Protein backbone atom coordinates (compact mmCIF):
# COMPACT_ATOMS: atom_id res chain seq x y z
CA MET A 1 113.25 152.77 73.20
CA THR A 2 112.70 150.19 70.46
CA ILE A 3 116.17 150.65 68.88
CA GLY A 4 119.71 151.35 70.10
CA ALA A 5 121.88 150.38 73.07
CA ILE A 6 119.80 149.39 76.10
CA HIS A 7 121.97 150.47 79.07
CA PRO A 8 122.26 154.12 77.98
CA GLN A 9 118.54 154.32 77.19
CA ILE A 10 117.40 153.10 80.59
CA ILE A 11 120.00 155.24 82.39
CA ARG A 12 119.04 158.35 80.43
CA PHE A 13 115.40 157.68 81.19
CA ALA A 14 115.94 156.82 84.88
CA LEU A 15 118.37 159.57 85.92
CA PRO A 16 116.00 162.51 85.37
CA LEU A 17 113.24 160.39 86.90
CA ILE A 18 115.38 159.68 89.98
CA ALA A 19 116.17 163.35 90.34
CA GLY A 20 112.54 164.27 89.82
CA ASN A 21 111.28 161.78 92.38
CA LEU A 22 114.01 162.91 94.76
CA PHE A 23 112.85 166.49 94.56
CA GLN A 24 109.26 165.34 94.98
CA GLN A 25 110.22 163.45 98.14
CA LEU A 26 111.87 166.61 99.40
CA TYR A 27 108.39 168.06 99.96
CA ASN A 28 107.71 165.89 102.97
CA THR A 29 111.34 165.22 103.86
CA ALA A 30 112.09 168.93 104.13
CA ASP A 31 109.05 169.26 106.37
CA CYS A 32 110.42 166.51 108.62
CA ILE A 33 113.96 167.89 108.78
CA ILE A 34 112.94 171.47 109.53
CA VAL A 35 110.13 170.56 111.92
CA GLY A 36 112.26 167.91 113.64
CA ASN A 37 115.07 170.38 114.31
CA TYR A 38 113.07 173.54 115.09
CA VAL A 39 109.78 172.30 116.60
CA GLY A 40 110.65 168.99 118.28
CA LYS A 41 110.48 165.21 118.13
CA GLU A 42 106.71 165.23 118.77
CA ALA A 43 106.15 167.29 115.61
CA LEU A 44 108.51 165.00 113.69
CA ALA A 45 106.54 162.00 114.93
CA ALA A 46 103.28 163.70 113.91
CA ILE A 47 104.36 164.24 110.30
CA GLY A 48 105.89 160.79 110.04
CA SER A 49 102.83 159.04 111.40
CA THR A 50 100.62 160.56 108.69
CA GLY A 51 102.54 158.99 105.82
CA SER A 52 100.62 155.70 105.72
CA LEU A 53 97.24 157.41 105.48
CA ILE A 54 98.44 159.86 102.82
CA ASN A 55 99.97 157.06 100.77
CA ALA A 56 96.82 154.93 101.04
CA ILE A 57 94.56 157.56 99.49
CA ILE A 58 97.00 159.16 97.06
CA GLY A 59 98.46 155.76 96.13
CA PHE A 60 95.13 154.42 94.92
CA PHE A 61 94.76 157.18 92.38
CA MET A 62 98.43 157.03 91.43
CA GLY A 63 98.01 153.34 90.67
CA LEU A 64 95.24 154.25 88.24
CA ALA A 65 97.55 156.83 86.67
CA ALA A 66 100.25 154.18 86.25
CA GLY A 67 97.75 152.09 84.31
CA GLY A 68 97.20 155.03 81.99
CA SER A 69 100.95 155.35 81.44
CA ILE A 70 101.10 151.71 80.37
CA VAL A 71 98.26 152.23 77.89
CA ILE A 72 100.05 155.26 76.44
CA SER A 73 103.39 153.41 76.20
CA GLN A 74 101.85 150.45 74.38
CA ASN A 75 99.85 152.62 71.97
CA TYR A 76 102.89 154.81 71.34
CA GLY A 77 105.03 151.76 70.58
CA ALA A 78 102.33 150.54 68.18
CA HIS A 79 102.14 154.05 66.56
CA ASN A 80 98.46 154.45 67.48
CA THR A 81 98.53 158.22 67.95
CA ILE A 82 94.75 158.66 68.01
CA GLN A 83 94.36 156.38 71.00
CA VAL A 84 97.37 158.01 72.69
CA ARG A 85 95.65 161.41 72.56
CA ARG A 86 92.32 160.03 73.75
CA THR A 87 94.02 158.36 76.71
CA ILE A 88 95.92 161.53 77.59
CA HIS A 89 92.79 163.67 77.78
CA THR A 90 90.90 160.98 79.66
CA MET A 91 93.68 160.84 82.26
CA ILE A 92 93.96 164.61 82.72
CA LEU A 93 90.23 165.10 83.21
CA GLY A 94 90.12 162.05 85.44
CA SER A 95 92.93 163.42 87.59
CA PHE A 96 90.88 166.50 88.45
CA ILE A 97 87.95 164.32 89.44
CA ALA A 98 90.20 162.01 91.45
CA GLY A 99 91.90 164.96 93.15
CA ALA A 100 88.57 166.30 94.36
CA ALA A 101 87.69 162.85 95.70
CA ALA A 102 91.04 162.60 97.48
CA ILE A 103 90.41 165.92 99.25
CA PHE A 104 87.08 164.69 100.58
CA LEU A 105 88.26 161.20 101.53
CA GLY A 106 91.46 162.39 103.17
CA ARG A 107 89.91 165.05 105.35
CA ALA A 108 87.01 162.80 106.36
CA ALA A 109 89.16 159.79 107.24
CA ALA A 110 92.01 161.61 109.00
CA PRO A 111 90.76 161.82 112.64
CA HIS A 112 89.34 158.29 112.64
CA ILE A 113 92.52 156.71 111.28
CA LEU A 114 94.70 158.62 113.74
CA ARG A 115 92.64 157.27 116.63
CA PHE A 116 92.71 153.79 115.12
CA MET A 117 96.52 153.98 115.06
CA SER A 118 96.62 154.71 118.82
CA THR A 119 98.29 158.06 118.14
CA PRO A 120 99.56 159.47 121.47
CA ASP A 121 97.90 162.60 122.84
CA ASP A 122 101.09 164.66 122.54
CA VAL A 123 101.16 163.93 118.79
CA PHE A 124 97.48 163.68 117.80
CA GLY A 125 96.67 167.39 117.49
CA MET A 126 99.67 168.21 115.33
CA ALA A 127 99.13 165.15 113.10
CA TYR A 128 95.49 166.09 112.50
CA THR A 129 96.42 169.68 111.67
CA TYR A 130 99.01 168.55 109.15
CA LEU A 131 96.62 166.09 107.46
CA LYS A 132 93.77 168.57 107.12
CA ILE A 133 95.96 171.09 105.33
CA TYR A 134 97.84 168.49 103.28
CA PHE A 135 94.71 166.90 101.83
CA THR A 136 93.32 170.32 100.94
CA GLY A 137 96.05 170.42 98.29
CA ALA A 138 95.68 166.79 97.18
CA LEU A 139 94.30 167.82 93.79
CA PHE A 140 97.52 169.69 92.93
CA GLN A 141 99.63 166.61 93.60
CA MET A 142 97.23 164.35 91.72
CA VAL A 143 97.10 166.39 88.53
CA TYR A 144 100.86 166.99 88.48
CA ASN A 145 101.71 163.30 88.87
CA VAL A 146 99.30 162.23 86.15
CA ALA A 147 100.55 164.90 83.72
CA ALA A 148 104.19 164.10 84.48
CA GLY A 149 103.45 160.39 84.06
CA ILE A 150 102.10 161.09 80.58
CA LEU A 151 105.31 162.84 79.57
CA ARG A 152 107.41 159.99 80.95
CA ALA A 153 105.34 157.36 79.15
CA LEU A 154 106.26 159.13 75.91
CA GLY A 155 109.95 159.15 76.85
CA ASP A 156 110.24 162.69 78.26
CA SER A 157 111.37 162.54 81.89
CA THR A 158 113.40 165.78 81.86
CA ARG A 159 110.81 168.53 81.84
CA PRO A 160 108.92 167.16 84.87
CA LEU A 161 112.29 167.30 86.62
CA TYR A 162 112.70 171.00 85.92
CA PHE A 163 109.28 171.75 87.37
CA LEU A 164 110.01 169.72 90.49
CA ILE A 165 113.31 171.50 91.06
CA VAL A 166 111.53 174.84 91.02
CA SER A 167 108.71 173.73 93.31
CA SER A 168 111.00 171.81 95.71
CA VAL A 169 113.31 174.78 96.17
CA LEU A 170 110.24 176.91 96.75
CA ASN A 171 108.97 174.40 99.31
CA VAL A 172 112.19 174.56 101.31
CA ALA A 173 112.14 178.36 101.21
CA LEU A 174 108.53 178.47 102.36
CA ASP A 175 109.28 175.90 105.09
CA LEU A 176 112.01 178.16 106.43
CA LEU A 177 109.72 181.19 106.22
CA PHE A 178 106.61 179.64 107.77
CA VAL A 179 108.20 177.35 110.38
CA ILE A 180 111.26 179.33 111.48
CA GLY A 181 110.46 182.89 110.46
CA LEU A 182 106.72 183.11 111.15
CA LYS A 183 106.65 180.39 113.86
CA LYS A 184 103.68 178.61 112.26
CA GLY A 185 104.92 175.18 113.34
CA ILE A 186 103.53 172.08 111.69
CA ALA A 187 100.76 174.02 109.92
CA GLY A 188 103.39 176.17 108.22
CA ALA A 189 105.13 173.07 106.88
CA ALA A 190 101.85 171.80 105.42
CA TYR A 191 101.04 175.12 103.76
CA ALA A 192 104.53 175.25 102.25
CA THR A 193 103.95 171.84 100.71
CA ILE A 194 100.59 172.49 99.07
CA ILE A 195 101.64 175.89 97.68
CA SER A 196 104.70 174.30 96.08
CA GLN A 197 102.66 171.43 94.64
CA ALA A 198 100.23 173.91 93.11
CA ILE A 199 103.14 175.63 91.31
CA SER A 200 104.42 172.33 89.86
CA MET A 201 100.92 171.47 88.61
CA LEU A 202 100.51 174.82 86.87
CA LEU A 203 103.91 174.53 85.20
CA VAL A 204 103.34 171.08 83.70
CA LEU A 205 99.82 171.94 82.53
CA ALA A 206 101.11 175.14 80.88
CA VAL A 207 103.65 173.13 78.88
CA MET A 208 101.05 170.58 77.80
CA PHE A 209 98.62 173.25 76.63
CA LEU A 210 101.25 175.31 74.78
CA THR A 211 103.28 172.57 73.09
CA ASN A 212 102.90 171.29 69.53
CA GLU A 213 103.95 167.75 70.49
CA LEU A 214 101.72 164.66 70.55
CA TYR A 215 100.77 165.26 74.20
CA ARG A 216 99.34 168.75 73.53
CA LEU A 217 96.17 169.34 75.56
CA SER A 218 93.04 170.70 73.93
CA LEU A 219 89.91 171.82 75.76
CA ARG A 220 87.80 170.51 72.86
CA GLU A 221 89.26 167.02 73.33
CA MET A 222 89.00 167.12 77.12
CA LYS A 223 86.52 164.34 77.71
CA ILE A 224 86.38 160.80 79.07
CA ASP A 225 86.86 158.26 76.28
CA ARG A 226 85.10 155.04 77.28
CA LYS A 227 87.54 152.68 75.55
CA SER A 228 90.57 154.46 77.03
CA LEU A 229 89.02 154.56 80.49
CA GLN A 230 88.22 150.86 80.37
CA ARG A 231 91.79 150.02 79.39
CA VAL A 232 93.25 152.34 82.03
CA LEU A 233 91.04 150.80 84.72
CA THR A 234 91.91 147.29 83.60
CA LEU A 235 95.64 147.94 83.95
CA GLY A 236 95.54 150.57 86.70
CA LEU A 237 92.84 149.43 89.11
CA PRO A 238 94.74 146.35 90.34
CA GLY A 239 97.82 148.49 90.97
CA GLY A 240 95.77 151.22 92.62
CA ILE A 241 94.07 148.75 94.94
CA GLN A 242 97.41 147.14 95.70
CA MET A 243 99.05 150.48 96.54
CA ALA A 244 96.11 151.60 98.67
CA ILE A 245 95.78 148.35 100.59
CA THR A 246 99.53 148.01 101.04
CA ALA A 247 99.80 151.57 102.35
CA PHE A 248 96.77 151.07 104.57
CA SER A 249 98.27 147.88 105.97
CA ASN A 250 101.21 150.05 107.02
CA VAL A 251 98.72 151.98 109.14
CA PHE A 252 98.61 148.85 111.29
CA VAL A 253 102.42 148.77 111.48
CA GLN A 254 102.41 152.44 112.47
CA GLY A 255 99.82 151.63 115.14
CA TYR A 256 102.14 149.04 116.69
CA ILE A 257 105.04 151.52 116.59
CA ASN A 258 102.91 154.24 118.21
CA ARG A 259 102.57 152.11 121.33
CA PHE A 260 106.24 152.74 122.14
CA GLY A 261 105.91 156.54 122.40
CA SER A 262 106.94 159.63 120.49
CA ALA A 263 110.70 158.87 120.46
CA CYS A 264 110.16 155.51 118.77
CA MET A 265 107.65 157.13 116.41
CA ALA A 266 110.18 159.82 115.53
CA GLY A 267 112.92 157.24 114.93
CA TRP A 268 110.54 155.26 112.73
CA SER A 269 109.67 158.45 110.85
CA CYS A 270 113.36 159.13 110.18
CA PHE A 271 113.83 155.59 108.92
CA ASN A 272 110.79 155.85 106.64
CA LYS A 273 111.92 159.13 105.10
CA ILE A 274 115.41 157.79 104.42
CA ASP A 275 113.91 154.56 103.11
CA GLN A 276 111.59 156.38 100.71
CA VAL A 277 114.40 158.51 99.31
CA SER A 278 116.80 155.57 98.98
CA LEU A 279 114.19 153.49 97.16
CA LEU A 280 113.73 156.13 94.45
CA PRO A 281 116.49 154.87 92.10
CA ILE A 282 115.06 151.34 92.22
CA GLN A 283 111.53 152.62 91.61
CA SER A 284 112.78 154.79 88.76
CA VAL A 285 114.54 151.86 87.14
CA SER A 286 111.32 149.87 87.61
CA LEU A 287 109.34 152.60 85.83
CA GLY A 288 111.99 152.62 83.14
CA ALA A 289 111.54 148.86 82.78
CA THR A 290 107.77 149.32 82.46
CA THR A 291 108.14 151.90 79.68
CA PHE A 292 110.95 149.98 77.95
CA VAL A 293 109.16 146.63 78.09
CA GLY A 294 105.84 148.24 77.13
CA GLN A 295 107.23 149.92 74.01
CA ASN A 296 109.20 146.87 72.87
CA TYR A 297 106.34 144.50 73.60
CA GLY A 298 104.08 146.79 71.58
CA ALA A 299 106.64 146.63 68.76
CA ARG A 300 106.88 142.81 69.20
CA ASN A 301 110.62 143.00 69.89
CA PHE A 302 110.79 140.18 72.44
CA LYS A 303 114.57 139.94 72.60
CA ARG A 304 114.81 143.54 73.78
CA VAL A 305 112.07 142.86 76.34
CA LYS A 306 114.28 140.23 77.98
CA GLU A 307 117.46 142.29 77.70
CA GLY A 308 115.79 145.41 79.12
CA THR A 309 114.59 143.52 82.20
CA ALA A 310 118.07 142.08 82.81
CA THR A 311 119.67 145.51 82.41
CA SER A 312 117.23 147.02 84.91
CA LEU A 313 118.15 144.35 87.46
CA GLN A 314 121.87 145.09 87.03
CA LEU A 315 121.44 148.83 87.56
CA ALA A 316 119.25 148.35 90.63
CA PHE A 317 121.73 145.87 92.15
CA ILE A 318 124.68 148.27 91.87
CA TRP A 319 122.75 151.02 93.65
CA THR A 320 121.50 148.70 96.39
CA ILE A 321 124.96 147.42 97.31
CA MET A 322 126.18 151.00 97.79
CA LEU A 323 123.10 151.77 99.84
CA ILE A 324 123.57 148.84 102.20
CA CYS A 325 127.15 149.92 102.92
CA ILE A 326 126.06 153.46 103.79
CA PHE A 327 123.22 152.34 106.06
CA GLU A 328 125.42 149.91 107.98
CA LEU A 329 128.40 152.26 108.38
CA ALA A 330 126.84 155.69 108.97
CA PRO A 331 123.28 155.38 110.35
CA ALA A 332 123.74 158.06 113.03
CA LEU A 333 124.73 160.65 110.43
CA LEU A 334 121.55 160.01 108.46
CA ILE A 335 119.17 159.97 111.43
CA GLY A 336 120.85 163.01 112.96
CA MET A 337 119.74 165.16 110.01
CA PHE A 338 116.19 164.97 111.36
CA ASN A 339 116.66 165.05 115.13
CA ARG A 340 119.54 164.64 117.62
CA ASP A 341 117.52 163.38 120.57
CA PRO A 342 119.45 160.31 121.96
CA MET A 343 116.41 158.02 121.95
CA VAL A 344 115.38 159.07 118.46
CA LEU A 345 118.91 158.28 117.29
CA TYR A 346 118.81 154.90 119.05
CA TYR A 347 115.58 153.78 117.41
CA GLY A 348 116.39 155.24 114.00
CA LYS A 349 119.84 153.61 113.78
CA PHE A 350 118.37 150.24 114.72
CA PHE A 351 115.65 150.40 112.07
CA LEU A 352 118.16 151.34 109.34
CA ARG A 353 120.67 148.61 110.14
CA VAL A 354 118.07 145.87 110.40
CA GLY A 355 116.34 146.75 107.15
CA ALA A 356 119.39 147.39 104.95
CA PRO A 357 120.33 143.80 103.91
CA PHE A 358 116.76 143.05 102.85
CA TYR A 359 116.93 145.76 100.17
CA LEU A 360 118.35 143.07 97.88
CA PHE A 361 114.90 141.48 97.77
CA ARG A 362 113.29 144.82 96.93
CA ILE A 363 115.24 144.81 93.69
CA LEU A 364 113.43 141.65 92.65
CA ASN A 365 109.93 142.78 93.56
CA GLN A 366 110.29 146.28 92.04
CA VAL A 367 111.97 145.43 88.73
CA PHE A 368 109.99 142.29 87.96
CA ALA A 369 106.73 144.03 88.88
CA GLY A 370 107.62 146.85 86.47
CA ALA A 371 108.42 144.37 83.71
CA LEU A 372 105.15 142.48 84.24
CA ARG A 373 103.16 145.71 83.99
CA GLY A 374 104.99 146.59 80.79
CA LEU A 375 103.86 143.24 79.39
CA GLY A 376 100.28 144.25 80.18
CA ASN A 377 99.89 142.07 83.28
CA ALA A 378 99.08 144.39 86.17
CA LEU A 379 97.13 141.77 88.11
CA ALA A 380 99.96 139.35 88.90
CA PRO A 381 102.27 141.84 90.70
CA THR A 382 99.23 143.17 92.53
CA ILE A 383 98.36 139.74 93.89
CA VAL A 384 101.97 139.03 94.85
CA MET A 385 102.39 142.37 96.64
CA LEU A 386 99.08 142.11 98.46
CA SER A 387 99.95 138.59 99.59
CA SER A 388 103.36 139.69 100.85
CA PHE A 389 102.83 143.22 102.16
CA VAL A 390 99.32 142.80 103.53
CA VAL A 391 98.38 139.20 104.29
CA PHE A 392 101.79 137.85 105.28
CA ARG A 393 102.83 141.04 107.08
CA GLN A 394 99.63 141.27 109.11
CA VAL A 395 99.73 137.60 110.07
CA TYR A 396 103.33 138.09 111.14
CA LEU A 397 102.52 141.16 113.25
CA PHE A 398 99.47 139.56 114.86
CA THR A 399 101.49 136.49 115.78
CA ILE A 400 104.62 138.22 117.00
CA THR A 401 102.82 140.79 119.16
CA HIS A 402 101.14 137.95 121.03
CA LEU A 403 104.53 136.43 121.79
CA THR A 404 106.55 139.49 122.87
CA ASP A 405 106.23 143.16 123.87
CA SER A 406 109.53 144.18 122.23
CA PHE A 407 109.69 146.64 119.34
CA ILE A 408 112.50 144.62 117.71
CA PRO A 409 110.40 141.88 116.02
CA ILE A 410 107.86 144.52 114.98
CA SER A 411 110.61 146.34 113.09
CA LEU A 412 111.20 143.16 111.06
CA ALA A 413 107.71 143.27 109.57
CA TYR A 414 108.86 145.36 106.61
CA PRO A 415 111.98 143.27 105.77
CA ALA A 416 110.03 140.01 106.07
CA GLY A 417 107.48 141.30 103.56
CA TRP A 418 110.22 142.39 101.15
CA PHE A 419 111.78 138.93 101.33
CA MET A 420 108.51 137.12 100.65
CA CYS A 421 107.55 139.45 97.79
CA GLY A 422 110.94 139.21 96.08
CA ILE A 423 110.90 135.41 95.95
CA LEU A 424 107.31 135.20 94.71
CA MET A 425 107.82 137.90 92.07
CA VAL A 426 110.74 136.02 90.50
CA ILE A 427 108.63 132.88 90.19
CA VAL A 428 105.61 134.67 88.71
CA HIS A 429 107.59 136.81 86.23
CA THR A 430 109.61 133.86 84.96
CA ALA A 431 106.54 131.72 84.35
CA TYR A 432 104.41 134.47 82.79
CA SER A 433 107.01 136.05 80.50
CA ARG A 434 108.14 132.72 79.08
CA ARG A 435 104.59 131.60 78.35
CA LEU A 436 103.49 134.95 76.90
CA ILE A 437 106.49 135.55 74.65
CA ALA A 438 106.51 131.94 73.45
CA HIS A 439 102.83 132.24 72.53
CA LYS A 440 103.34 135.50 70.60
CA GLU A 441 106.31 134.09 68.72
CA ASN A 442 104.30 131.03 67.70
CA VAL A 443 101.44 133.21 66.49
CA MET A 444 103.79 135.33 64.40
C-alpha cells in the first residue's frame, strides 16, 4: 500500500473485509432471524440481550489482537521481516491462551450479568443457556480472528473471506437443522454457531501452517517473544480496554431497555443486529485506514498518510448516506425479517429511524480512530471513545431516567454518544497528526 492509486487500494482491501465481516455477523444474525421466526420474540430477546456481555469479553481480546496487527503492519512497511514473524507467533500462541481465559470468564460471569441487567423471567433461562454454550466455543472465535487479522495486516483480506463464507453457510444450515428440524430451540442456535466457528479456525490455521509465505506458522517458532508482546500490549491494551468497557457500558443500556419487557427487548435486538451489519463497511474502511496509514507511516510517506485518511472518509460517507435513506424509508421491511409481532415492529422501527441520521458522526469516530492507530497512537482514540461511550453515555442515562419513564430518551443514548465521539475525534486527530508528521519531517 506504499505505492499506486489510493482509492483502488483501499477499496480492494475493504471489499473482501466487508464481505468477510458480513459473513461473520451472519453467525449471530442468522441465529436471531431463525429463532425469532420459529421460536418466538422471547427467544429473540434472549439472544439479543446477550450481545453486550459477549462483546465485552471477546472485545477485550480482539482489541489486543488489533494492536498486534498494527505492529505487523508497521514492521512490514519497514521491511523488518524477523520482527513480523516473531509477532505473528506471539499472537497465535497468545490467542489460544486468551481463548481459554474467555471461556472461563464468560461462563462464570453470565448468570450474574443477566441478573444485573434485570433480565425478565421469561427470557432469563434461554439467555443463560445461549451464553453457556456460546462461550464454550470462544476459543475458536478468538484464534480465527487473530489469525485472520494477521493476514489482513499483510494485505491479504481475501482468504479469510473464503473461510467465513464456508463457515457461515454451514452455520445457517446447522441453524435450520437444529432449530427447525431437531427442535433444539435456542441451544441449537448456539451449537450451530460454535461448530461453524471451529471450522473457520481450522481452515485459517491450516493455510498458515502449509503456506510458504511470510506468515507461515512453525511449531519451533511458536513462543512468546517479549519485545513483540510488549509492543502488542502497548498498542492493543488501550483498545482492548476501550472495547471491553464500552461494550460493558452497553450492558447498562440493555438493563434500561429490559425494564420495558420482551417486546421492547426484541425490537432493540433487531435494531442492534441491523446496526452491527450496517456498520461493517465503515469499520472495514477504518481497518483499511489503519493498515494503509501504518504501512505508509512506517515507510515515512506522510503525503500518502494524509491522502489515505481523506479517501477513507469519502468512501465511508457515500455508504452512510445510502444507509440513512434505507433506514428512514423501509424500517418495517428490515425489522420484519426477524419478527412480525406488531409491538416488536413498533419498537424496532422507532430505534432505526431515530439512530439513522447520527451515523454521519460514526464516520468521524471510526475513520479517524483507525488513522490514529495506524500512526501508532492507540491511547488517544481509546480515551475519546471511553469518554463518549462510557462516561457521557452513563451520565446521560442516569440523568434522563430520573426525569422520565419513557423509553424514547433512553433510545437516544447511543446516538448522543456517537455525536460526542465524532466531534472529539476530529479535534484529537487533527492536532496529533499535524504535530507528529511535522516533527518527523523536521527530523528527516
